[in-house]
Amino acid sequence: MPLHFNRATVHFEADCTVDETIALVEFLRSHKAAKVHMNRCTYAHTFLIRALIAYRPQILSLPQDALLSKWLFPIAGQRQTATS
């Protein structure tokens, strides 16, 4: 599985497909102070990116891919402020 969950942290590894979306959203909903490591992520489906943008977890490391990092850079290091 490309997403590895450990307490309040999720690690993205290799190619992360749409199949991981539900697990990620459930994790982010139940961990309001979630942290994300993406330095080993080579691909992330758009739905995963949208979930990260919507829930705004603290992104501790960005992917090596320049385009993927560009989408996530604006929320990197920020914590979720909205409660939903």
Protein backbone atom coordinates (compact mmCIF):
# COMPACT_ATOMS: atom_id res chain seq x y z
CA MET A 1 0.00 0.00 0.00
CA PRO A 2 1.50 3.35 -1.03
CA LEU A 3 0.10 5.18 2.01
CA HIS A 4 1.52 4.19 5.38
CA PHE A 5 -0.32 5.44 8.46
CA ASN A 6 1.46 5.79 11.79
CA ARG A 7 -0.39 7.49 14.64
CA ALA A 8 -1.07 11.02 13.31
CA THR A 9 1.34 10.79 10.36
CA VAL A 10 0.87 9.49 6.83
CA HIS A 11 3.76 8.61 4.53
CA PHE A 12 3.19 8.66 0.76
CA GLU A 13 5.46 6.25 -1.11
CA ALA A 14 5.86 5.52 -4.83
CA ASP A 15 2.70 5.83 -6.95
CA CYS A 16 -0.35 6.81 -4.89
CA THR A 17 -3.51 6.10 -6.89
CA VAL A 18 -7.17 6.98 -6.59
CA ASP A 19 -7.68 3.72 -4.65
CA GLU A 20 -6.08 5.35 -1.58
CA THR A 21 -8.46 8.32 -1.49
CA ILE A 22 -11.02 6.94 0.95
CA ALA A 23 -8.36 5.78 3.41
CA LEU A 24 -6.65 9.18 3.25
CA VAL A 25 -9.87 11.16 3.74
CA GLU A 26 -10.92 8.97 6.68
CA PHE A 27 -7.48 9.43 8.22
CA LEU A 28 -7.50 13.20 7.76
CA ARG A 29 -11.03 13.47 9.16
CA SER A 30 -10.09 11.57 12.30
CA HIS A 31 -6.67 13.22 12.81
CA LYS A 32 -7.15 16.98 12.87
CA ALA A 33 -3.41 17.57 13.49
CA ALA A 34 -2.26 15.12 10.81
CA LYS A 35 1.24 15.35 9.37
CA VAL A 36 2.28 14.22 5.90
CA HIS A 37 5.60 13.07 4.46
CA MET A 38 5.70 12.95 0.66
CA ASN A 39 9.42 12.87 -0.15
CA ARG A 40 9.14 9.26 -1.43
CA CYS A 41 6.02 9.93 -3.49
CA THR A 42 6.53 9.68 -7.25
CA TYR A 43 2.87 10.19 -8.26
CA ALA A 44 -0.30 11.26 -6.47
CA HIS A 45 -3.74 11.10 -8.04
CA THR A 46 -5.63 14.39 -8.27
CA PHE A 47 -8.20 13.23 -5.70
CA LEU A 48 -5.41 12.74 -3.14
CA ILE A 49 -4.10 16.23 -3.85
CA ARG A 50 -7.60 17.66 -3.51
CA ALA A 51 -8.02 15.92 -0.14
CA LEU A 52 -4.75 17.42 1.08
CA ILE A 53 -5.81 20.87 -0.11
CA ALA A 54 -9.24 20.51 1.53
CA TYR A 55 -8.04 19.21 4.91
CA ARG A 56 -4.74 21.12 4.98
CA PRO A 57 -2.63 18.75 7.08
CA GLN A 58 0.89 19.81 7.94
CA ILE A 59 3.08 18.67 5.03
CA LEU A 60 6.55 18.04 6.43
CA SER A 61 8.26 16.96 3.20
CA LEU A 62 7.35 17.60 -0.42
CA PRO A 63 7.65 15.15 -3.31
CA GLN A 64 10.74 15.28 -5.53
CA ASP A 65 8.57 15.78 -8.62
CA ALA A 66 8.55 19.50 -9.44
CA LEU A 67 4.96 19.69 -10.73
CA LEU A 68 3.57 17.74 -7.77
CA SER A 69 5.54 19.91 -5.35
CA LYS A 70 4.22 23.04 -7.05
CA TRP A 71 0.64 22.05 -6.22
CA LEU A 72 1.47 21.28 -2.60
CA PHE A 73 3.94 24.04 -1.81
CA PRO A 74 1.27 26.63 -0.87
CA ILE A 75 -0.04 24.40 1.93
CA ALA A 76 3.27 22.86 3.00
CA GLY A 77 4.01 23.53 6.64
CA GLN A 78 0.53 24.89 7.34
CA ARG A 79 -1.88 23.31 9.79
CA GLN A 80 -5.58 22.92 9.30
CA THR A 81 -7.43 25.92 10.65
CA ALA A 82 -11.01 25.27 9.58
CA THR A 83 -13.18 22.80 11.47
CA SER A 84 -15.50 20.77 9.33
